[in-house]
Amino acid sequence: RRGKPSRYAFSTRELTVDDRRGHLFVPDRPADAPVVVFAPGVGLPWRPTLEPIVEAFAERGYAALAFDHRGFGSVDGDRLLSPGRQRADLDAAIAAARDAPEVDGDRLALWGMDLSAGTALAAAADSFAVDAVIARFPVLDGATLLPPWLRPRLRGLARGVADYPASALGRLRDVDADERGVRLPLFGDAGEVAAITATNAARDVRDLLGRDPGTTPARSLVKLQRHDLGSVVADVSCPTLFVAGEHDEVAPPDGVAAASESARDASLVRVPSSHYAALDGVELERTLNHELAFLDSEL
């Protein structure tokens, strides 16, 4: 397993992304490093889940910008999963990375996981500023994150509709953002009512974070149900690496393979991993090797 990089391999500084904080990792060399913008997996803060990945890229010679989406982690207490807001956050991060004086903003790649991978693909389809995309376990249809069984899905969506007036009333009463309205678990097993469901998803995320992943406003389910980026992949013209996990229930590998066939310049790699296992240990190392080799060849 790759050890933690030397503190002399890169430096870090805070970078403003709109009115929020991002963290820019700049390698010791080269002096004009290409930059990779990292978008964390849906509902996950970047530091406990992506820091080893970001450090590995910086050690390899890539500048890396990591940030939290609104609703993910410490940014905004409501923990709302909003794909539209997520895209705006990524666009702001891309602009901040291109303007950073320490990096070569004309060589820029995006790295995204699950729903953020779909957002990265959409951003690449709309901008010539993106030179490559790594789509790890991409989710293009938000509804695939919801409970697969009809009854819990309908119960969740019903609570989501009820959350709109309940949240508005909570704002009027000045209730804390993380307590107002109707709330549901952020992660749950396949038969449960939660925003993101898969076998052992809540346990795996709890192990990564070292704490309970918490709850989300129930209207997150409504926003995810309406979110579909299936048509954007064909518009992505830059080189793209699709990473599929053979044991992934959140982003099933056959769906990832089908999406890769729609892109103009795509590569596909399958790794023997489940969705969250590739964020740590042997699965992380194996997946990182593929991603770094891809960027080495493209940037």
C-alpha atoms as a PDB file:
ATOM      1  CA  ARG A   1       0.000   0.000   0.000  1.00  0.00           C
ATOM      2  CA  ARG A   2       1.187   3.506  -0.769  1.00  0.00           C
ATOM      3  CA  GLY A   3       2.237   5.309   2.413  1.00  0.00           C
ATOM      4  CA  LYS A   4       1.315   8.878   3.237  1.00  0.00           C
ATOM      5  CA  PRO A   5       3.311  11.226   0.973  1.00  0.00           C
ATOM      6  CA  SER A   6       6.136  13.269   2.417  1.00  0.00           C
ATOM      7  CA  ARG A   7       5.091  16.708   3.592  1.00  0.00           C
ATOM      8  CA  TYR A   8       7.823  18.033   1.298  1.00  0.00           C
ATOM      9  CA  ALA A   9       6.105  16.597  -1.806  1.00  0.00           C
ATOM     10  CA  PHE A  10       3.470  19.336  -1.940  1.00  0.00           C
ATOM     11  CA  SER A  11       2.140  22.413  -0.186  1.00  0.00           C
ATOM     12  CA  THR A  12      -1.463  23.373   0.581  1.00  0.00           C
ATOM     13  CA  ARG A  13      -3.388  26.589   0.909  1.00  0.00           C
ATOM     14  CA  GLU A  14      -6.985  27.654   1.232  1.00  0.00           C
ATOM     15  CA  LEU A  15      -8.686  28.902  -1.904  1.00  0.00           C
ATOM     16  CA  THR A  16     -11.990  30.750  -2.102  1.00  0.00           C
ATOM     17  CA  VAL A  17     -14.696  28.956  -4.097  1.00  0.00           C
ATOM     18  CA  ASP A  18     -17.539  31.462  -4.241  1.00  0.00           C
ATOM     19  CA  ASP A  19     -18.014  32.259  -0.555  1.00  0.00           C
ATOM     20  CA  ARG A  20     -16.729  28.884   0.633  1.00  0.00           C
ATOM     21  CA  ARG A  21     -13.320  27.402   1.308  1.00  0.00           C
ATOM     22  CA  GLY A  22     -11.503  25.077  -1.025  1.00  0.00           C
ATOM     23  CA  HIS A  23      -8.084  23.526  -0.480  1.00  0.00           C
ATOM     24  CA  LEU A  24      -5.429  23.657  -3.191  1.00  0.00           C
ATOM     25  CA  PHE A  25      -2.640  21.081  -3.126  1.00  0.00           C
ATOM     26  CA  VAL A  26       0.391  22.201  -5.166  1.00  0.00           C
ATOM     27  CA  PRO A  27       3.200  19.702  -5.914  1.00  0.00           C
ATOM     28  CA  ASP A  28       6.822  20.575  -5.292  1.00  0.00           C
ATOM     29  CA  ARG A  29       7.415  19.940  -9.000  1.00  0.00           C
ATOM     30  CA  PRO A  30       6.720  20.628 -11.773  1.00  0.00           C
ATOM     31  CA  ALA A  31       6.385  24.383 -11.347  1.00  0.00           C
ATOM     32  CA  ASP A  32       3.504  24.629 -13.833  1.00  0.00           C
ATOM     33  CA  ALA A  33       1.511  21.561 -12.822  1.00  0.00           C
ATOM     34  CA  PRO A  34      -1.811  20.727 -14.462  1.00  0.00           C
ATOM     35  CA  VAL A  35      -4.720  20.943 -12.057  1.00  0.00           C
ATOM     36  CA  VAL A  36      -7.397  18.408 -11.128  1.00  0.00           C
ATOM     37  CA  VAL A  37     -10.666  19.531  -9.524  1.00  0.00           C
ATOM     38  CA  PHE A  38     -12.077  16.891  -7.164  1.00  0.00           C
ATOM     39  CA  ALA A  39     -15.831  16.603  -6.583  1.00  0.00           C
ATOM     40  CA  PRO A  40     -16.639  14.260  -3.652  1.00  0.00           C
ATOM     41  CA  GLY A  41     -19.236  11.524  -3.726  1.00  0.00           C
ATOM     42  CA  VAL A  42     -22.827  12.498  -3.024  1.00  0.00           C
ATOM     43  CA  GLY A  43     -23.383  13.442   0.593  1.00  0.00           C
ATOM     44  CA  LEU A  44     -19.713  12.999   1.543  1.00  0.00           C
ATOM     45  CA  PRO A  45     -17.288  15.656   2.826  1.00  0.00           C
ATOM     46  CA  TRP A  46     -13.988  15.636   0.949  1.00  0.00           C
ATOM     47  CA  ARG A  47     -11.480  15.514   3.794  1.00  0.00           C
ATOM     48  CA  PRO A  48     -12.303  12.140   5.426  1.00  0.00           C
ATOM     49  CA  THR A  49     -13.054  10.468   2.094  1.00  0.00           C
ATOM     50  CA  LEU A  50     -10.809  12.015  -0.582  1.00  0.00           C
ATOM     51  CA  GLU A  51      -7.722  13.297   1.234  1.00  0.00           C
ATOM     52  CA  PRO A  52      -5.574  10.191   0.476  1.00  0.00           C
ATOM     53  CA  ILE A  53      -6.589  10.419  -3.185  1.00  0.00           C
ATOM     54  CA  VAL A  54      -5.861  14.145  -3.442  1.00  0.00           C
ATOM     55  CA  GLU A  55      -2.482  13.678  -1.765  1.00  0.00           C
ATOM     56  CA  ALA A  56      -1.583  10.845  -4.150  1.00  0.00           C
ATOM     57  CA  PHE A  57      -2.328  13.060  -7.151  1.00  0.00           C
ATOM     58  CA  ALA A  58      -0.248  15.898  -5.668  1.00  0.00           C
ATOM     59  CA  GLU A  59       2.640  13.520  -4.998  1.00  0.00           C
ATOM     60  CA  ARG A  60       2.435  12.440  -8.649  1.00  0.00           C
ATOM     61  CA  GLY A  61       2.885  16.041  -9.844  1.00  0.00           C
ATOM     62  CA  TYR A  62      -0.694  17.274 -10.244  1.00  0.00           C
ATOM     63  CA  ALA A  63      -2.143  20.292  -8.497  1.00  0.00           C
ATOM     64  CA  ALA A  64      -5.440  19.341  -6.880  1.00  0.00           C
ATOM     65  CA  LEU A  65      -8.378  21.428  -5.721  1.00  0.00           C
ATOM     66  CA  ALA A  66     -10.695  19.757  -3.193  1.00  0.00           C
ATOM     67  CA  PHE A  67     -13.873  21.332  -1.865  1.00  0.00           C
ATOM     68  CA  ASP A  68     -17.183  20.494  -0.221  1.00  0.00           C
ATOM     69  CA  HIS A  69     -20.447  20.966  -2.070  1.00  0.00           C
ATOM     70  CA  ARG A  70     -23.175  22.847  -0.284  1.00  0.00           C
ATOM     71  CA  GLY A  71     -25.089  20.236   1.669  1.00  0.00           C
ATOM     72  CA  PHE A  72     -22.069  17.917   1.844  1.00  0.00           C
ATOM     73  CA  GLY A  73     -20.311  17.881   5.189  1.00  0.00           C
ATOM     74  CA  SER A  74     -19.597  21.195   6.884  1.00  0.00           C
ATOM     75  CA  VAL A  75     -21.049  23.506   4.215  1.00  0.00           C
ATOM     76  CA  ASP A  76     -24.651  24.486   4.958  1.00  0.00           C
ATOM     77  CA  GLY A  77     -26.386  22.708   7.797  1.00  0.00           C
ATOM     78  CA  ASP A  78     -29.398  21.544   5.812  1.00  0.00           C
ATOM     79  CA  ARG A  79     -27.488  18.646   4.104  1.00  0.00           C
ATOM     80  CA  LEU A  80     -29.786  19.044   1.078  1.00  0.00           C
ATOM     81  CA  LEU A  81     -28.820  16.978  -1.973  1.00  0.00           C
ATOM     82  CA  SER A  82     -29.458  19.342  -4.876  1.00  0.00           C
ATOM     83  CA  PRO A  83     -27.907  18.372  -8.252  1.00  0.00           C
ATOM     84  CA  GLY A  84     -28.502  21.868  -9.651  1.00  0.00           C
ATOM     85  CA  ARG A  85     -26.734  23.515  -6.743  1.00  0.00           C
ATOM     86  CA  GLN A  86     -23.992  20.903  -6.996  1.00  0.00           C
ATOM     87  CA  ARG A  87     -23.318  21.853 -10.632  1.00  0.00           C
ATOM     88  CA  ALA A  88     -23.048  25.538  -9.704  1.00  0.00           C
ATOM     89  CA  ASP A  89     -20.515  24.637  -7.006  1.00  0.00           C
ATOM     90  CA  LEU A  90     -18.405  22.654  -9.479  1.00  0.00           C
ATOM     91  CA  ASP A  91     -18.447  25.479 -12.025  1.00  0.00           C
ATOM     92  CA  ALA A  92     -17.206  27.870  -9.319  1.00  0.00           C
ATOM     93  CA  ALA A  93     -14.431  25.433  -8.377  1.00  0.00           C
ATOM     94  CA  ILE A  94     -13.340  25.130 -12.026  1.00  0.00           C
ATOM     95  CA  ALA A  95     -13.112  28.919 -12.310  1.00  0.00           C
ATOM     96  CA  ALA A  96     -11.110  29.140  -9.074  1.00  0.00           C
ATOM     97  CA  ALA A  97      -8.694  26.429 -10.218  1.00  0.00           C
ATOM     98  CA  ARG A  98      -8.104  28.067 -13.607  1.00  0.00           C
ATOM     99  CA  ASP A  99      -7.309  31.395 -11.929  1.00  0.00           C
ATOM    100  CA  ALA A 100      -4.875  30.010  -9.319  1.00  0.00           C
ATOM    101  CA  PRO A 101      -1.435  31.486 -10.112  1.00  0.00           C
ATOM    102  CA  GLU A 102       0.510  28.422  -8.924  1.00  0.00           C
ATOM    103  CA  VAL A 103      -0.915  26.041 -11.542  1.00  0.00           C
ATOM    104  CA  ASP A 104      -1.305  25.655 -15.292  1.00  0.00           C
ATOM    105  CA  GLY A 105      -5.017  26.418 -15.548  1.00  0.00           C
ATOM    106  CA  ASP A 106      -4.953  25.640 -19.278  1.00  0.00           C
ATOM    107  CA  ARG A 107      -4.468  21.945 -18.437  1.00  0.00           C
ATOM    108  CA  LEU A 108      -7.418  21.017 -16.268  1.00  0.00           C
ATOM    109  CA  ALA A 109      -9.107  17.718 -15.446  1.00  0.00           C
ATOM    110  CA  LEU A 110     -12.143  16.820 -13.376  1.00  0.00           C
ATOM    111  CA  TRP A 111     -12.445  13.908 -10.950  1.00  0.00           C
ATOM    112  CA  GLY A 112     -15.893  12.983  -9.692  1.00  0.00           C
ATOM    113  CA  MET A 113     -17.536  10.103  -7.863  1.00  0.00           C
ATOM    114  CA  ASP A 114     -21.109   8.802  -8.339  1.00  0.00           C
ATOM    115  CA  LEU A 115     -23.482  11.779  -8.677  1.00  0.00           C
ATOM    116  CA  SER A 116     -20.516  14.184  -8.786  1.00  0.00           C
ATOM    117  CA  ALA A 117     -19.060  12.159 -11.656  1.00  0.00           C
ATOM    118  CA  GLY A 118     -22.253  12.814 -13.586  1.00  0.00           C
ATOM    119  CA  THR A 119     -21.948  16.505 -12.739  1.00  0.00           C
ATOM    120  CA  ALA A 120     -18.327  16.495 -13.931  1.00  0.00           C
ATOM    121  CA  LEU A 121     -19.357  14.928 -17.230  1.00  0.00           C
ATOM    122  CA  ALA A 122     -22.048  17.578 -17.677  1.00  0.00           C
ATOM    123  CA  ALA A 123     -19.525  20.346 -16.956  1.00  0.00           C
ATOM    124  CA  ALA A 124     -17.094  18.864 -19.480  1.00  0.00           C
ATOM    125  CA  ALA A 125     -19.838  18.699 -22.099  1.00  0.00           C
ATOM    126  CA  ASP A 126     -20.490  22.422 -21.646  1.00  0.00           C
ATOM    127  CA  SER A 127     -16.907  23.710 -21.494  1.00  0.00           C
ATOM    128  CA  PHE A 128     -13.801  23.544 -23.663  1.00  0.00           C
ATOM    129  CA  ALA A 129     -11.760  24.364 -20.534  1.00  0.00           C
ATOM    130  CA  VAL A 130     -11.923  20.732 -19.365  1.00  0.00           C
ATOM    131  CA  ASP A 131      -9.202  18.548 -20.888  1.00  0.00           C
ATOM    132  CA  ALA A 132      -9.998  15.202 -19.248  1.00  0.00           C
ATOM    133  CA  VAL A 133     -12.502  13.600 -16.880  1.00  0.00           C
ATOM    134  CA  ILE A 134     -12.208  10.728 -14.429  1.00  0.00           C
ATOM    135  CA  ALA A 135     -15.702   9.423 -13.714  1.00  0.00           C
ATOM    136  CA  ARG A 136     -15.403   7.005 -10.824  1.00  0.00           C
ATOM    137  CA  PHE A 137     -18.564   4.898 -10.437  1.00  0.00           C
ATOM    138  CA  PRO A 138     -20.669   7.543 -12.246  1.00  0.00           C
ATOM    139  CA  VAL A 139     -24.365   8.022 -11.516  1.00  0.00           C
ATOM    140  CA  LEU A 140     -26.210   9.817 -14.323  1.00  0.00           C
ATOM    141  CA  ASP A 141     -29.753   9.251 -13.069  1.00  0.00           C
ATOM    142  CA  GLY A 142     -30.408  10.424  -9.509  1.00  0.00           C
ATOM    143  CA  ALA A 143     -33.333   8.034  -9.164  1.00  0.00           C
ATOM    144  CA  THR A 144     -30.920   5.088  -9.119  1.00  0.00           C
ATOM    145  CA  LEU A 145     -29.722   6.241  -5.691  1.00  0.00           C
ATOM    146  CA  LEU A 146     -33.201   5.912  -4.199  1.00  0.00           C
ATOM    147  CA  PRO A 147     -34.663   2.733  -2.658  1.00  0.00           C
ATOM    148  CA  PRO A 148     -35.067   0.115  -5.413  1.00  0.00           C
ATOM    149  CA  TRP A 149     -38.212  -1.325  -3.858  1.00  0.00           C
ATOM    150  CA  LEU A 150     -41.436   0.445  -4.693  1.00  0.00           C
ATOM    151  CA  ARG A 151     -42.923   0.805  -1.229  1.00  0.00           C
ATOM    152  CA  PRO A 152     -39.949   2.498   0.496  1.00  0.00           C
ATOM    153  CA  ARG A 153     -39.392   4.690  -2.574  1.00  0.00           C
ATOM    154  CA  LEU A 154     -42.984   5.913  -2.569  1.00  0.00           C
ATOM    155  CA  ARG A 155     -42.848   6.494   1.186  1.00  0.00           C
ATOM    156  CA  GLY A 156     -39.682   8.513   0.762  1.00  0.00           C
ATOM    157  CA  LEU A 157     -41.061  10.613  -2.084  1.00  0.00           C
ATOM    158  CA  ALA A 158     -44.266  11.258  -0.130  1.00  0.00           C
ATOM    159  CA  ARG A 159     -42.204  12.520   2.787  1.00  0.00           C
ATOM    160  CA  GLY A 160     -40.200  14.598   0.328  1.00  0.00           C
ATOM    161  CA  VAL A 161     -43.312  16.378  -0.910  1.00  0.00           C
ATOM    162  CA  ALA A 162     -44.397  16.988   2.685  1.00  0.00           C
ATOM    163  CA  ASP A 163     -40.967  18.417   3.492  1.00  0.00           C
ATOM    164  CA  TYR A 164     -41.393  21.488   1.277  1.00  0.00           C
ATOM    165  CA  PRO A 165     -44.094  23.214   3.401  1.00  0.00           C
ATOM    166  CA  ALA A 166     -42.620  21.826   6.628  1.00  0.00           C
ATOM    167  CA  SER A 167     -39.188  23.286   5.835  1.00  0.00           C
ATOM    168  CA  ALA A 168     -40.679  26.643   4.853  1.00  0.00           C
ATOM    169  CA  LEU A 169     -42.516  26.758   8.182  1.00  0.00           C
ATOM    170  CA  GLY A 170     -39.314  25.849  10.003  1.00  0.00           C
ATOM    171  CA  ARG A 171     -37.470  28.742   8.368  1.00  0.00           C
ATOM    172  CA  LEU A 172     -40.194  31.144   9.454  1.00  0.00           C
ATOM    173  CA  ARG A 173     -39.852  29.842  13.007  1.00  0.00           C
ATOM    174  CA  ASP A 174     -36.037  30.120  12.826  1.00  0.00           C
ATOM    175  CA  VAL A 175     -35.511  26.407  13.427  1.00  0.00           C
ATOM    176  CA  ASP A 176     -31.918  25.219  12.912  1.00  0.00           C
ATOM    177  CA  ALA A 177     -31.303  24.058   9.330  1.00  0.00           C
ATOM    178  CA  ASP A 178     -30.346  20.529  10.390  1.00  0.00           C
ATOM    179  CA  GLU A 179     -33.565  20.088  12.373  1.00  0.00           C
ATOM    180  CA  ARG A 180     -36.306  21.735  10.352  1.00  0.00           C
ATOM    181  CA  GLY A 181     -38.813  19.954   8.129  1.00  0.00           C
ATOM    182  CA  VAL A 182     -39.086  16.223   7.446  1.00  0.00           C
ATOM    183  CA  ARG A 183     -35.748  14.414   7.560  1.00  0.00           C
ATOM    184  CA  LEU A 184     -34.584  10.988   6.402  1.00  0.00           C
ATOM    185  CA  PRO A 185     -31.347   9.022   6.828  1.00  0.00           C
ATOM    186  CA  LEU A 186     -28.758  10.058   4.279  1.00  0.00           C
ATOM    187  CA  PHE A 187     -27.619   6.437   3.741  1.00  0.00           C
ATOM    188  CA  GLY A 188     -29.500   3.174   4.226  1.00  0.00           C
ATOM    189  CA  ASP A 189     -29.822  -0.415   3.089  1.00  0.00           C
ATOM    190  CA  ALA A 190     -31.810  -1.353  -0.008  1.00  0.00           C
ATOM    191  CA  GLY A 191     -35.120  -1.929   1.782  1.00  0.00           C
ATOM    192  CA  GLU A 192     -34.977   1.214   3.918  1.00  0.00           C
ATOM    193  CA  VAL A 193     -36.311   4.719   3.343  1.00  0.00           C
ATOM    194  CA  ALA A 194     -33.185   6.816   2.785  1.00  0.00           C
ATOM    195  CA  ALA A 195     -31.689   9.106   0.167  1.00  0.00           C
ATOM    196  CA  ILE A 196     -28.903   6.742  -0.934  1.00  0.00           C
ATOM    197  CA  THR A 197     -29.516   3.016  -0.565  1.00  0.00           C
ATOM    198  CA  ALA A 198     -27.317  -0.013  -1.124  1.00  0.00           C
ATOM    199  CA  THR A 199     -26.337  -3.074   0.857  1.00  0.00           C
ATOM    200  CA  ASN A 200     -24.227  -1.962   3.849  1.00  0.00           C
ATOM    201  CA  ALA A 201     -24.045   1.614   2.530  1.00  0.00           C
ATOM    202  CA  ALA A 202     -24.688   3.186   5.941  1.00  0.00           C
ATOM    203  CA  ARG A 203     -22.122   0.917   7.610  1.00  0.00           C
ATOM    204  CA  ASP A 204     -19.451   1.563   4.963  1.00  0.00           C
ATOM    205  CA  VAL A 205     -19.888   5.338   5.140  1.00  0.00           C
ATOM    206  CA  ARG A 206     -19.918   5.247   8.939  1.00  0.00           C
ATOM    207  CA  ASP A 207     -16.585   3.426   8.864  1.00  0.00           C
ATOM    208  CA  LEU A 208     -15.129   6.014   6.470  1.00  0.00           C
ATOM    209  CA  LEU A 209     -16.319   9.043   8.418  1.00  0.00           C
ATOM    210  CA  GLY A 210     -15.842   7.635  11.906  1.00  0.00           C
ATOM    211  CA  ARG A 211     -19.347   8.819  12.804  1.00  0.00           C
ATOM    212  CA  ASP A 212     -22.970   8.438  11.808  1.00  0.00           C
ATOM    213  CA  PRO A 213     -23.512  10.007   8.367  1.00  0.00           C
ATOM    214  CA  GLY A 214     -26.628  11.817   9.593  1.00  0.00           C
ATOM    215  CA  THR A 215     -29.825  12.852   7.866  1.00  0.00           C
ATOM    216  CA  THR A 216     -30.961  14.888   4.878  1.00  0.00           C
ATOM    217  CA  PRO A 217     -34.133  16.870   4.146  1.00  0.00           C
ATOM    218  CA  ALA A 218     -36.703  14.505   2.664  1.00  0.00           C
ATOM    219  CA  ARG A 219     -37.101  16.766  -0.381  1.00  0.00           C
ATOM    220  CA  SER A 220     -33.625  15.544  -1.439  1.00  0.00           C
ATOM    221  CA  LEU A 221     -35.414  12.445  -2.739  1.00  0.00           C
ATOM    222  CA  VAL A 222     -37.653  14.572  -4.950  1.00  0.00           C
ATOM    223  CA  LYS A 223     -34.657  16.417  -6.383  1.00  0.00           C
ATOM    224  CA  LEU A 224     -32.811  13.167  -7.050  1.00  0.00           C
ATOM    225  CA  GLN A 225     -35.883  11.607  -8.666  1.00  0.00           C
ATOM    226  CA  ARG A 226     -36.021  14.478 -11.164  1.00  0.00           C
ATOM    227  CA  HIS A 227     -32.311  14.451 -11.999  1.00  0.00           C
ATOM    228  CA  ASP A 228     -31.248  12.752 -15.246  1.00  0.00           C
ATOM    229  CA  LEU A 229     -28.016  13.395 -17.161  1.00  0.00           C
ATOM    230  CA  GLY A 230     -28.162  10.355 -19.435  1.00  0.00           C
ATOM    231  CA  SER A 231     -28.112  12.443 -22.603  1.00  0.00           C
ATOM    232  CA  VAL A 232     -25.044  14.566 -21.778  1.00  0.00           C
ATOM    233  CA  VAL A 233     -22.413  11.826 -22.151  1.00  0.00           C
ATOM    234  CA  ALA A 234     -22.585  11.937 -25.941  1.00  0.00           C
ATOM    235  CA  ASP A 235     -21.629  15.628 -25.826  1.00  0.00           C
ATOM    236  CA  VAL A 236     -18.387  15.044 -23.885  1.00  0.00           C
ATOM    237  CA  SER A 237     -15.530  15.417 -26.358  1.00  0.00           C
ATOM    238  CA  CYS A 238     -12.497  15.317 -24.049  1.00  0.00           C
ATOM    239  CA  PRO A 239     -10.803  12.036 -23.029  1.00  0.00           C
ATOM    240  CA  THR A 240     -12.765  10.353 -20.258  1.00  0.00           C
ATOM    241  CA  LEU A 241     -11.987   7.428 -17.974  1.00  0.00           C
ATOM    242  CA  PHE A 242     -15.030   5.538 -16.718  1.00  0.00           C
ATOM    243  CA  VAL A 243     -14.278   3.445 -13.629  1.00  0.00           C
ATOM    244  CA  ALA A 244     -16.765   0.665 -12.826  1.00  0.00           C
ATOM    245  CA  GLY A 245     -16.854  -1.390  -9.643  1.00  0.00           C
ATOM    246  CA  GLU A 246     -17.668  -5.062 -10.205  1.00  0.00           C
ATOM    247  CA  HIS A 247     -19.512  -5.229  -6.860  1.00  0.00           C
ATOM    248  CA  ASP A 248     -21.024  -1.752  -6.970  1.00  0.00           C
ATOM    249  CA  GLU A 249     -24.753  -1.511  -6.180  1.00  0.00           C
ATOM    250  CA  VAL A 250     -24.877   2.296  -6.244  1.00  0.00           C
ATOM    251  CA  ALA A 251     -23.482   2.550  -9.795  1.00  0.00           C
ATOM    252  CA  PRO A 252     -23.877  -0.941 -11.324  1.00  0.00           C
ATOM    253  CA  PRO A 253     -20.981  -1.793 -13.655  1.00  0.00           C
ATOM    254  CA  ASP A 254     -23.135  -2.659 -16.666  1.00  0.00           C
ATOM    255  CA  GLY A 255     -24.672   0.812 -16.569  1.00  0.00           C
ATOM    256  CA  VAL A 256     -21.233   2.420 -16.344  1.00  0.00           C
ATOM    257  CA  ALA A 257     -20.044   0.359 -19.307  1.00  0.00           C
ATOM    258  CA  ALA A 258     -23.090   1.407 -21.335  1.00  0.00           C
ATOM    259  CA  ALA A 259     -22.452   5.072 -20.539  1.00  0.00           C
ATOM    260  CA  SER A 260     -18.823   4.758 -21.633  1.00  0.00           C
ATOM    261  CA  GLU A 261     -19.948   3.510 -25.036  1.00  0.00           C
ATOM    262  CA  SER A 262     -21.885   6.743 -25.573  1.00  0.00           C
ATOM    263  CA  ALA A 263     -18.845   9.006 -25.104  1.00  0.00           C
ATOM    264  CA  ARG A 264     -16.651  10.002 -28.032  1.00  0.00           C
ATOM    265  CA  ASP A 265     -13.243   9.395 -26.454  1.00  0.00           C
ATOM    266  CA  ALA A 266     -13.746   7.080 -23.513  1.00  0.00           C
ATOM    267  CA  SER A 267     -11.830   4.358 -21.733  1.00  0.00           C
ATOM    268  CA  LEU A 268     -13.406   1.876 -19.348  1.00  0.00           C
ATOM    269  CA  VAL A 269     -11.750   0.023 -16.502  1.00  0.00           C
ATOM    270  CA  ARG A 270     -13.465  -2.422 -14.156  1.00  0.00           C
ATOM    271  CA  VAL A 271     -12.098  -2.849 -10.636  1.00  0.00           C
ATOM    272  CA  PRO A 272     -13.082  -5.619  -8.203  1.00  0.00           C
ATOM    273  CA  SER A 273     -14.590  -3.266  -5.646  1.00  0.00           C
ATOM    274  CA  SER A 274     -17.861  -2.118  -4.137  1.00  0.00           C
ATOM    275  CA  HIS A 275     -18.820   1.550  -4.193  1.00  0.00           C
ATOM    276  CA  TYR A 276     -17.246   2.827  -0.975  1.00  0.00           C
ATOM    277  CA  ALA A 277     -14.516   0.193  -0.592  1.00  0.00           C
ATOM    278  CA  ALA A 278     -12.431   1.948  -3.270  1.00  0.00           C
ATOM    279  CA  LEU A 279     -11.924   4.894  -0.908  1.00  0.00           C
ATOM    280  CA  ASP A 280      -9.569   2.938   1.335  1.00  0.00           C
ATOM    281  CA  GLY A 281      -7.071   0.096   1.466  1.00  0.00           C
ATOM    282  CA  VAL A 282      -6.122  -2.228  -1.352  1.00  0.00           C
ATOM    283  CA  GLU A 283      -9.135  -1.247  -3.477  1.00  0.00           C
ATOM    284  CA  LEU A 284      -8.121   2.420  -3.260  1.00  0.00           C
ATOM    285  CA  GLU A 285      -4.556   1.637  -4.356  1.00  0.00           C
ATOM    286  CA  ARG A 286      -5.686  -0.462  -7.314  1.00  0.00           C
ATOM    287  CA  THR A 287      -8.175   2.142  -8.524  1.00  0.00           C
ATOM    288  CA  LEU A 288      -5.732   5.011  -8.068  1.00  0.00           C
ATOM    289  CA  ASN A 289      -3.175   3.285 -10.271  1.00  0.00           C
ATOM    290  CA  HIS A 290      -5.633   3.229 -13.184  1.00  0.00           C
ATOM    291  CA  GLU A 291      -6.665   6.860 -12.670  1.00  0.00           C
ATOM    292  CA  LEU A 292      -3.114   8.179 -12.412  1.00  0.00           C
ATOM    293  CA  ALA A 293      -1.999   6.230 -15.482  1.00  0.00           C
ATOM    294  CA  PHE A 294      -4.895   7.719 -17.454  1.00  0.00           C
ATOM    295  CA  LEU A 295      -4.017  11.299 -16.496  1.00  0.00           C
ATOM    296  CA  ASP A 296      -0.325  10.708 -17.147  1.00  0.00           C
ATOM    297  CA  SER A 297      -1.194   9.796 -20.720  1.00  0.00           C
ATOM    298  CA  GLU A 298      -3.631  12.689 -21.269  1.00  0.00           C
ATOM    299  CA  LEU A 299      -2.126  15.672 -19.405  1.00  0.00           C
END
